[in-house]
Amino acid sequence: MSKVEFTRYENARIIGARALQIAMDAPLLLKISDEELKALKFDSIRIAEKELESGVLPISIHRPMPQKKKTKLVAGKEESVSDEELAAKEHEVEKELVEDAAELGLVEGDELEDFQDEPVNLAGGSTPAEE
């Protein structure tokens, strides 16, 4: 089995994670004598480095590689709707709302006449009824 070369970032991550485990009293994966531990000054980072160098850590690294797929981004087509069509649609919706309200008894008869057939002014000026 060939030895895997890790990047320095992967080494730092592996050693840091294993050193944390050792600091939390995890069992050592290497048989290290007391003299060696004293020489390492019981430093969990140095113990983790020694375990990594000896290859006893059961670790695997998944390196995601970019996929070689071509994807096309298609821009969505916007519907071009004129202002007159929007106003007509809005008027239809208002008419349906008023009719539904009348069926449910939410609008009295004289209020119903107020909402029917009102002219819609898109220019922002005054309507003939207001003059």
Protein backbone atom coordinates (compact mmCIF):
# COMPACT_ATOMS: atom_id res chain seq x y z
CA MET A 1 0.00 0.00 0.00
CA SER A 2 1.44 3.36 -1.02
CA LYS A 3 1.69 6.21 1.42
CA VAL A 4 -0.62 9.11 0.65
CA GLU A 5 0.89 12.57 0.48
CA PHE A 6 -1.26 15.10 2.27
CA THR A 7 -1.15 18.85 1.71
CA ARG A 8 0.07 21.01 4.55
CA TYR A 9 -3.52 22.08 5.21
CA GLU A 10 -4.67 18.48 5.44
CA ASN A 11 -1.72 17.70 7.74
CA ALA A 12 -2.64 20.61 9.99
CA ARG A 13 -6.26 19.52 10.14
CA ILE A 14 -5.43 15.87 10.86
CA ILE A 15 -2.81 16.66 13.49
CA GLY A 16 -5.04 19.24 15.16
CA ALA A 17 -8.02 16.88 15.34
CA ARG A 18 -5.92 13.98 16.66
CA ALA A 19 -4.14 16.25 19.18
CA LEU A 20 -7.52 17.33 20.50
CA GLN A 21 -8.54 13.69 20.90
CA ILE A 22 -5.30 12.91 22.72
CA ALA A 23 -5.75 15.94 24.98
CA MET A 24 -9.22 14.60 25.87
CA ASP A 25 -7.59 11.31 27.06
CA ALA A 26 -8.15 9.22 23.94
CA PRO A 27 -5.97 6.08 23.84
CA LEU A 28 -2.72 6.36 21.92
CA LEU A 29 -2.50 4.35 18.72
CA LEU A 30 1.27 3.87 19.05
CA LYS A 31 3.19 2.08 21.75
CA ILE A 32 5.27 4.95 23.10
CA SER A 33 7.62 4.40 26.01
CA ASP A 34 7.72 6.71 29.02
CA GLU A 35 11.14 8.03 27.97
CA GLU A 36 9.80 9.01 24.55
CA LEU A 37 6.79 10.68 26.17
CA LYS A 38 9.10 12.65 28.45
CA ALA A 39 11.21 13.61 25.41
CA LEU A 40 8.02 14.78 23.66
CA LYS A 41 7.10 16.60 26.91
CA PHE A 42 3.67 14.90 26.83
CA ASP A 43 2.72 17.34 24.08
CA SER A 44 -0.43 16.08 22.32
CA ILE A 45 0.49 17.83 19.06
CA ARG A 46 3.90 16.12 18.89
CA ILE A 47 2.32 12.75 19.74
CA ALA A 48 -0.25 13.29 16.95
CA GLU A 49 2.57 14.15 14.51
CA LYS A 50 4.41 10.96 15.46
CA GLU A 51 1.23 8.90 14.93
CA LEU A 52 0.68 10.50 11.51
CA GLU A 53 4.29 9.91 10.43
CA SER A 54 4.10 6.25 11.41
CA GLY A 55 0.89 5.80 9.41
CA VAL A 56 -1.27 4.32 12.20
CA LEU A 57 -4.05 6.90 11.97
CA PRO A 58 -7.12 5.40 10.28
CA ILE A 59 -7.93 8.41 8.16
CA SER A 60 -8.99 9.01 4.60
CA ILE A 61 -9.25 12.31 2.80
CA HIS A 62 -11.92 13.00 0.23
CA ARG A 63 -10.76 15.58 -2.26
CA PRO A 64 -13.65 16.74 -4.43
CA MET A 65 -12.56 17.27 -7.98
CA PRO A 66 -14.37 19.57 -10.39
CA GLN A 67 -16.70 17.76 -12.72
CA LYS A 68 -16.04 18.06 -16.41
CA LYS A 69 -19.62 18.78 -17.41
CA LYS A 70 -20.78 21.54 -19.65
CA THR A 71 -23.95 23.19 -18.51
CA LYS A 72 -25.76 25.84 -20.42
CA LEU A 73 -27.37 28.65 -18.56
CA VAL A 74 -30.49 29.73 -20.35
CA ALA A 75 -31.91 33.12 -19.62
CA GLY A 76 -35.62 33.09 -18.96
CA LYS A 77 -37.78 35.03 -21.38
CA GLU A 78 -39.80 37.81 -19.90
CA GLU A 79 -43.28 38.38 -21.16
CA SER A 80 -43.76 41.87 -22.46
CA VAL A 81 -47.19 43.03 -21.37
CA SER A 82 -48.49 46.46 -22.23
CA ASP A 83 -49.91 48.79 -19.64
CA GLU A 84 -53.36 48.55 -21.21
CA GLU A 85 -53.36 44.76 -20.85
CA LEU A 86 -52.27 45.06 -17.20
CA ALA A 87 -55.02 47.59 -16.51
CA ALA A 88 -57.61 45.38 -18.18
CA LYS A 89 -56.49 42.36 -16.16
CA GLU A 90 -56.55 44.40 -12.95
CA HIS A 91 -60.04 45.62 -13.76
CA GLU A 92 -61.21 42.02 -14.34
CA VAL A 93 -59.77 40.91 -11.01
CA GLU A 94 -61.43 43.81 -9.16
CA LYS A 95 -64.73 43.01 -10.85
CA GLU A 96 -64.47 39.36 -9.78
CA LEU A 97 -63.69 40.40 -6.21
CA VAL A 98 -66.68 42.71 -6.07
CA GLU A 99 -68.98 40.03 -7.51
CA ASP A 100 -67.70 37.45 -5.03
CA ALA A 101 -68.17 39.93 -2.18
CA ALA A 102 -71.72 40.63 -3.34
CA GLU A 103 -72.50 36.91 -3.41
CA LEU A 104 -71.19 36.51 0.13
CA GLY A 105 -73.16 39.54 1.33
CA LEU A 106 -70.07 41.53 2.28
CA VAL A 107 -70.96 44.56 0.13
CA GLU A 108 -74.27 46.40 0.20
CA GLY A 109 -76.04 47.30 -3.05
CA ASP A 110 -75.09 51.01 -3.18
CA GLU A 111 -71.42 50.18 -2.51
CA LEU A 112 -71.50 47.70 -5.39
CA GLU A 113 -72.45 50.48 -7.82
CA ASP A 114 -69.46 52.56 -6.69
CA PHE A 115 -66.96 49.91 -7.84
CA GLN A 116 -68.47 49.00 -11.17
CA ASP A 117 -67.24 50.45 -14.43
CA GLU A 118 -64.77 52.94 -13.00
CA PRO A 119 -62.45 54.32 -15.66
CA VAL A 120 -58.78 53.49 -15.19
CA ASN A 121 -56.38 56.34 -15.83
CA LEU A 122 -52.81 55.25 -16.63
CA ALA A 123 -51.40 58.69 -17.50
CA GLY A 124 -51.84 60.06 -13.99
CA GLY A 125 -53.91 63.04 -15.14
CA SER A 126 -57.50 63.73 -14.36
CA THR A 127 -60.32 61.61 -15.80
CA PRO A 128 -63.29 63.17 -17.65
CA ALA A 129 -65.54 62.34 -14.67
CA GLU A 130 -63.31 64.38 -12.32
CA GLU A 131 -63.32 67.53 -14.48
